[in-house]
Amino acid sequence: MKLDIITSLYVFTLAAFIGFEVIRRVSPLLHTPLMSLTNALDAIAVVGAIILAGEHKSNLAAILGTIAIVAATSNIVGGFLITDRMLRMFKASGPKKP
């Protein structure tokens, strides 16, 4: 059990570091499509968290699953709000020419 937690934390740390490095090197022009992609990936995370919380193998699994649901859902909502704001920046702000 302890080895599983250590291995999981190691994988999480590596994924966070690699994700940060990949995102940092993306050009600003590609941020909107990247946000849409991460929203889709977070939707998959929500489904996995719902399955984890629903199995209720232990109280810890249910608590962590619930936290994962809240975190991934807030990430999806925030991602859509940011994407919408970025897309509004590309719209013309003045009157349209005939």
N, C-alpha and C. Protein backbone atom coordinates (compact mmCIF):
# COMPACT_ATOMS: atom_id res chain seq x y z
N MET A 1 0.83 -1.20 0.00
CA MET A 1 0.00 0.00 0.00
C MET A 1 0.87 1.26 0.00
N LYS A 2 1.89 1.29 0.88
CA LYS A 2 2.75 2.46 0.97
C LYS A 2 3.53 2.65 -0.33
N LEU A 3 3.96 1.55 -0.95
CA LEU A 3 4.70 1.64 -2.20
C LEU A 3 3.82 2.20 -3.31
N ASP A 4 2.55 1.84 -3.32
CA ASP A 4 1.63 2.38 -4.32
C ASP A 4 1.48 3.89 -4.19
N ILE A 5 1.40 4.39 -2.98
CA ILE A 5 1.26 5.83 -2.76
C ILE A 5 2.53 6.56 -3.20
N ILE A 6 3.68 6.01 -2.87
CA ILE A 6 4.95 6.63 -3.26
C ILE A 6 5.09 6.63 -4.78
N THR A 7 4.74 5.52 -5.42
CA THR A 7 4.81 5.45 -6.88
C THR A 7 3.84 6.44 -7.51
N SER A 8 2.64 6.54 -6.97
CA SER A 8 1.65 7.47 -7.50
C SER A 8 2.10 8.92 -7.34
N LEU A 9 2.69 9.26 -6.21
CA LEU A 9 3.21 10.61 -6.01
C LEU A 9 4.36 10.91 -6.96
N TYR A 10 5.20 9.92 -7.23
CA TYR A 10 6.30 10.08 -8.16
C TYR A 10 5.77 10.35 -9.58
N VAL A 11 4.78 9.58 -10.00
CA VAL A 11 4.19 9.78 -11.33
C VAL A 11 3.51 11.15 -11.40
N PHE A 12 2.81 11.53 -10.35
CA PHE A 12 2.15 12.84 -10.32
C PHE A 12 3.17 13.97 -10.43
N THR A 13 4.28 13.87 -9.71
CA THR A 13 5.32 14.90 -9.75
C THR A 13 5.92 14.99 -11.14
N LEU A 14 6.22 13.87 -11.75
CA LEU A 14 6.77 13.87 -13.11
C LEU A 14 5.78 14.45 -14.11
N ALA A 15 4.51 14.08 -13.99
CA ALA A 15 3.49 14.60 -14.91
C ALA A 15 3.33 16.11 -14.74
N ALA A 16 3.36 16.59 -13.52
CA ALA A 16 3.23 18.03 -13.28
C ALA A 16 4.42 18.78 -13.88
N PHE A 17 5.62 18.26 -13.69
CA PHE A 17 6.82 18.91 -14.24
C PHE A 17 6.80 18.92 -15.76
N ILE A 18 6.50 17.79 -16.36
CA ILE A 18 6.46 17.69 -17.83
C ILE A 18 5.35 18.58 -18.38
N GLY A 19 4.19 18.57 -17.75
CA GLY A 19 3.08 19.42 -18.19
C GLY A 19 3.44 20.89 -18.13
N PHE A 20 4.10 21.30 -17.05
CA PHE A 20 4.51 22.69 -16.92
C PHE A 20 5.50 23.08 -18.02
N GLU A 21 6.45 22.22 -18.29
CA GLU A 21 7.45 22.52 -19.32
C GLU A 21 6.82 22.57 -20.72
N VAL A 22 5.88 21.70 -20.99
CA VAL A 22 5.22 21.69 -22.30
C VAL A 22 4.38 22.95 -22.48
N ILE A 23 3.60 23.31 -21.47
CA ILE A 23 2.73 24.48 -21.56
C ILE A 23 3.55 25.76 -21.65
N ARG A 24 4.64 25.82 -20.95
CA ARG A 24 5.47 27.03 -20.93
C ARG A 24 6.05 27.35 -22.30
N ARG A 25 6.27 26.34 -23.10
CA ARG A 25 6.91 26.54 -24.40
C ARG A 25 5.92 26.72 -25.55
N VAL A 26 4.63 26.76 -25.27
CA VAL A 26 3.62 26.93 -26.31
C VAL A 26 3.54 28.41 -26.69
N SER A 27 3.46 28.68 -27.98
CA SER A 27 3.36 30.07 -28.42
C SER A 27 1.99 30.63 -28.02
N PRO A 28 1.91 31.93 -27.77
CA PRO A 28 0.62 32.53 -27.35
C PRO A 28 -0.50 32.33 -28.37
N LEU A 29 -0.16 32.15 -29.62
CA LEU A 29 -1.17 31.96 -30.65
C LEU A 29 -1.93 30.65 -30.47
N LEU A 30 -1.31 29.68 -29.84
CA LEU A 30 -1.93 28.36 -29.69
C LEU A 30 -2.60 28.16 -28.32
N HIS A 31 -2.66 29.17 -27.50
CA HIS A 31 -3.22 28.98 -26.16
C HIS A 31 -4.70 28.63 -26.18
N THR A 32 -5.49 29.23 -27.07
CA THR A 32 -6.93 28.95 -27.11
C THR A 32 -7.21 27.49 -27.50
N PRO A 33 -6.59 26.95 -28.56
CA PRO A 33 -6.82 25.53 -28.85
C PRO A 33 -6.29 24.62 -27.74
N LEU A 34 -5.23 25.03 -27.10
CA LEU A 34 -4.68 24.23 -26.01
C LEU A 34 -5.63 24.20 -24.82
N MET A 35 -6.28 25.32 -24.53
CA MET A 35 -7.25 25.36 -23.44
C MET A 35 -8.44 24.46 -23.75
N SER A 36 -8.87 24.43 -24.99
CA SER A 36 -9.97 23.55 -25.37
C SER A 36 -9.59 22.09 -25.18
N LEU A 37 -8.37 21.76 -25.52
CA LEU A 37 -7.89 20.38 -25.35
C LEU A 37 -7.82 20.01 -23.88
N THR A 38 -7.32 20.90 -23.05
CA THR A 38 -7.23 20.57 -21.64
C THR A 38 -8.62 20.46 -21.00
N ASN A 39 -9.59 21.20 -21.51
CA ASN A 39 -10.96 21.04 -21.01
C ASN A 39 -11.49 19.64 -21.33
N ALA A 40 -11.17 19.14 -22.51
CA ALA A 40 -11.59 17.79 -22.86
C ALA A 40 -10.90 16.75 -21.98
N LEU A 41 -9.63 16.96 -21.70
CA LEU A 41 -8.92 16.02 -20.82
C LEU A 41 -9.45 16.08 -19.40
N ASP A 42 -9.83 17.26 -18.93
CA ASP A 42 -10.40 17.37 -17.60
C ASP A 42 -11.76 16.68 -17.52
N ALA A 43 -12.50 16.68 -18.62
CA ALA A 43 -13.78 15.95 -18.63
C ALA A 43 -13.54 14.46 -18.41
N ILE A 44 -12.47 13.94 -19.00
CA ILE A 44 -12.12 12.54 -18.78
C ILE A 44 -11.73 12.32 -17.31
N ALA A 45 -11.03 13.29 -16.73
CA ALA A 45 -10.65 13.19 -15.32
C ALA A 45 -11.89 13.19 -14.41
N VAL A 46 -12.91 13.97 -14.77
CA VAL A 46 -14.14 13.99 -13.98
C VAL A 46 -14.82 12.63 -14.02
N VAL A 47 -14.87 12.02 -15.19
CA VAL A 47 -15.49 10.69 -15.31
C VAL A 47 -14.73 9.68 -14.46
N GLY A 48 -13.40 9.71 -14.53
CA GLY A 48 -12.59 8.80 -13.71
C GLY A 48 -12.79 9.04 -12.23
N ALA A 49 -12.89 10.29 -11.83
CA ALA A 49 -13.10 10.61 -10.42
C ALA A 49 -14.47 10.16 -9.94
N ILE A 50 -15.47 10.28 -10.79
CA ILE A 50 -16.81 9.81 -10.43
C ILE A 50 -16.81 8.30 -10.23
N ILE A 51 -16.11 7.60 -11.10
CA ILE A 51 -16.01 6.15 -10.96
C ILE A 51 -15.29 5.80 -9.66
N LEU A 52 -14.19 6.50 -9.38
CA LEU A 52 -13.42 6.25 -8.16
C LEU A 52 -14.26 6.51 -6.92
N ALA A 53 -14.96 7.63 -6.90
CA ALA A 53 -15.78 7.96 -5.73
C ALA A 53 -16.97 7.02 -5.61
N GLY A 54 -17.51 6.57 -6.74
CA GLY A 54 -18.68 5.70 -6.71
C GLY A 54 -18.38 4.28 -6.27
N GLU A 55 -17.16 3.82 -6.48
CA GLU A 55 -16.82 2.46 -6.05
C GLU A 55 -16.82 2.33 -4.53
N HIS A 56 -16.42 3.40 -3.85
CA HIS A 56 -16.40 3.46 -2.39
C HIS A 56 -15.69 2.25 -1.78
N LYS A 57 -14.49 1.97 -2.28
CA LYS A 57 -13.70 0.87 -1.73
C LYS A 57 -13.22 1.18 -0.32
N SER A 58 -12.96 2.44 -0.06
CA SER A 58 -12.60 2.88 1.29
C SER A 58 -13.04 4.33 1.45
N ASN A 59 -13.02 4.79 2.68
CA ASN A 59 -13.40 6.20 2.92
C ASN A 59 -12.40 7.15 2.27
N LEU A 60 -11.10 6.79 2.30
CA LEU A 60 -10.08 7.62 1.70
C LEU A 60 -10.29 7.74 0.19
N ALA A 61 -10.63 6.63 -0.46
CA ALA A 61 -10.88 6.66 -1.90
C ALA A 61 -12.10 7.54 -2.23
N ALA A 62 -13.12 7.45 -1.41
CA ALA A 62 -14.32 8.28 -1.65
C ALA A 62 -14.01 9.76 -1.45
N ILE A 63 -13.23 10.08 -0.43
CA ILE A 63 -12.88 11.47 -0.16
C ILE A 63 -11.99 12.02 -1.27
N LEU A 64 -10.97 11.26 -1.65
CA LEU A 64 -10.08 11.71 -2.72
C LEU A 64 -10.82 11.81 -4.05
N GLY A 65 -11.75 10.90 -4.30
CA GLY A 65 -12.56 10.97 -5.52
C GLY A 65 -13.43 12.20 -5.55
N THR A 66 -14.01 12.54 -4.42
CA THR A 66 -14.84 13.75 -4.34
C THR A 66 -14.00 15.01 -4.54
N ILE A 67 -12.83 15.04 -3.93
CA ILE A 67 -11.93 16.18 -4.12
C ILE A 67 -11.52 16.29 -5.59
N ALA A 68 -11.26 15.15 -6.22
CA ALA A 68 -10.89 15.14 -7.64
C ALA A 68 -12.03 15.64 -8.52
N ILE A 69 -13.26 15.28 -8.17
CA ILE A 69 -14.41 15.76 -8.94
C ILE A 69 -14.51 17.28 -8.84
N VAL A 70 -14.40 17.81 -7.64
CA VAL A 70 -14.50 19.26 -7.44
C VAL A 70 -13.36 19.98 -8.17
N ALA A 71 -12.14 19.47 -8.04
CA ALA A 71 -10.98 20.13 -8.65
C ALA A 71 -11.08 20.11 -10.18
N ALA A 72 -11.40 18.96 -10.75
CA ALA A 72 -11.48 18.87 -12.21
C ALA A 72 -12.65 19.67 -12.76
N THR A 73 -13.76 19.69 -12.05
CA THR A 73 -14.91 20.47 -12.51
C THR A 73 -14.61 21.97 -12.48
N SER A 74 -13.96 22.42 -11.42
CA SER A 74 -13.61 23.84 -11.36
C SER A 74 -12.58 24.19 -12.43
N ASN A 75 -11.71 23.26 -12.75
CA ASN A 75 -10.73 23.48 -13.82
C ASN A 75 -11.43 23.58 -15.18
N ILE A 76 -12.44 22.77 -15.40
CA ILE A 76 -13.19 22.82 -16.66
C ILE A 76 -13.92 24.17 -16.78
N VAL A 77 -14.62 24.57 -15.73
CA VAL A 77 -15.37 25.83 -15.76
C VAL A 77 -14.41 27.01 -15.97
N GLY A 78 -13.31 27.02 -15.23
CA GLY A 78 -12.33 28.09 -15.40
C GLY A 78 -11.72 28.09 -16.80
N GLY A 79 -11.47 26.92 -17.34
CA GLY A 79 -10.91 26.83 -18.69
C GLY A 79 -11.86 27.38 -19.73
N PHE A 80 -13.14 27.07 -19.60
CA PHE A 80 -14.12 27.60 -20.55
C PHE A 80 -14.25 29.12 -20.41
N LEU A 81 -14.22 29.63 -19.20
CA LEU A 81 -14.30 31.08 -19.00
C LEU A 81 -13.08 31.78 -19.62
N ILE A 82 -11.91 31.22 -19.42
CA ILE A 82 -10.69 31.82 -19.99
C ILE A 82 -10.72 31.72 -21.51
N THR A 83 -11.13 30.58 -22.04
CA THR A 83 -11.20 30.42 -23.49
C THR A 83 -12.18 31.42 -24.09
N ASP A 84 -13.33 31.59 -23.46
CA ASP A 84 -14.31 32.56 -23.95
C ASP A 84 -13.74 33.97 -23.92
N ARG A 85 -13.05 34.31 -22.86
CA ARG A 85 -12.45 35.64 -22.76
C ARG A 85 -11.39 35.84 -23.84
N MET A 86 -10.59 34.82 -24.10
CA MET A 86 -9.56 34.93 -25.14
C MET A 86 -10.18 35.08 -26.52
N LEU A 87 -11.26 34.34 -26.78
CA LEU A 87 -11.92 34.45 -28.08
C LEU A 87 -12.58 35.81 -28.28
N ARG A 88 -13.10 36.40 -27.20
CA ARG A 88 -13.69 37.75 -27.30
C ARG A 88 -12.63 38.79 -27.63
N MET A 89 -11.39 38.54 -27.27
CA MET A 89 -10.31 39.48 -27.57
C MET A 89 -10.03 39.56 -29.07
N PHE A 90 -10.35 38.48 -29.80
CA PHE A 90 -10.09 38.46 -31.23
C PHE A 90 -11.21 39.09 -32.05
N LYS A 91 -12.35 39.35 -31.45
CA LYS A 91 -13.46 39.97 -32.16
C LYS A 91 -13.20 41.45 -32.36
N ALA A 92 -13.70 41.98 -33.49
CA ALA A 92 -13.54 43.41 -33.76
C ALA A 92 -14.36 44.20 -32.77
N SER A 93 -13.78 45.25 -32.22
CA SER A 93 -14.47 46.03 -31.19
C SER A 93 -15.18 47.27 -31.76
N GLY A 94 -14.82 47.68 -32.96
CA GLY A 94 -15.41 48.88 -33.54
C GLY A 94 -16.61 48.56 -34.42
N PRO A 95 -17.23 49.62 -34.97
CA PRO A 95 -18.35 49.39 -35.89
C PRO A 95 -17.86 48.70 -37.16
N LYS A 96 -18.70 47.85 -37.70
CA LYS A 96 -18.34 47.12 -38.91
C LYS A 96 -18.46 48.02 -40.15
N LYS A 97 -17.52 47.85 -41.05
CA LYS A 97 -17.56 48.60 -42.30
C LYS A 97 -18.49 47.92 -43.28
N PRO A 98 -19.27 48.71 -44.05
CA PRO A 98 -20.22 48.08 -45.02
C PRO A 98 -19.51 47.47 -46.20
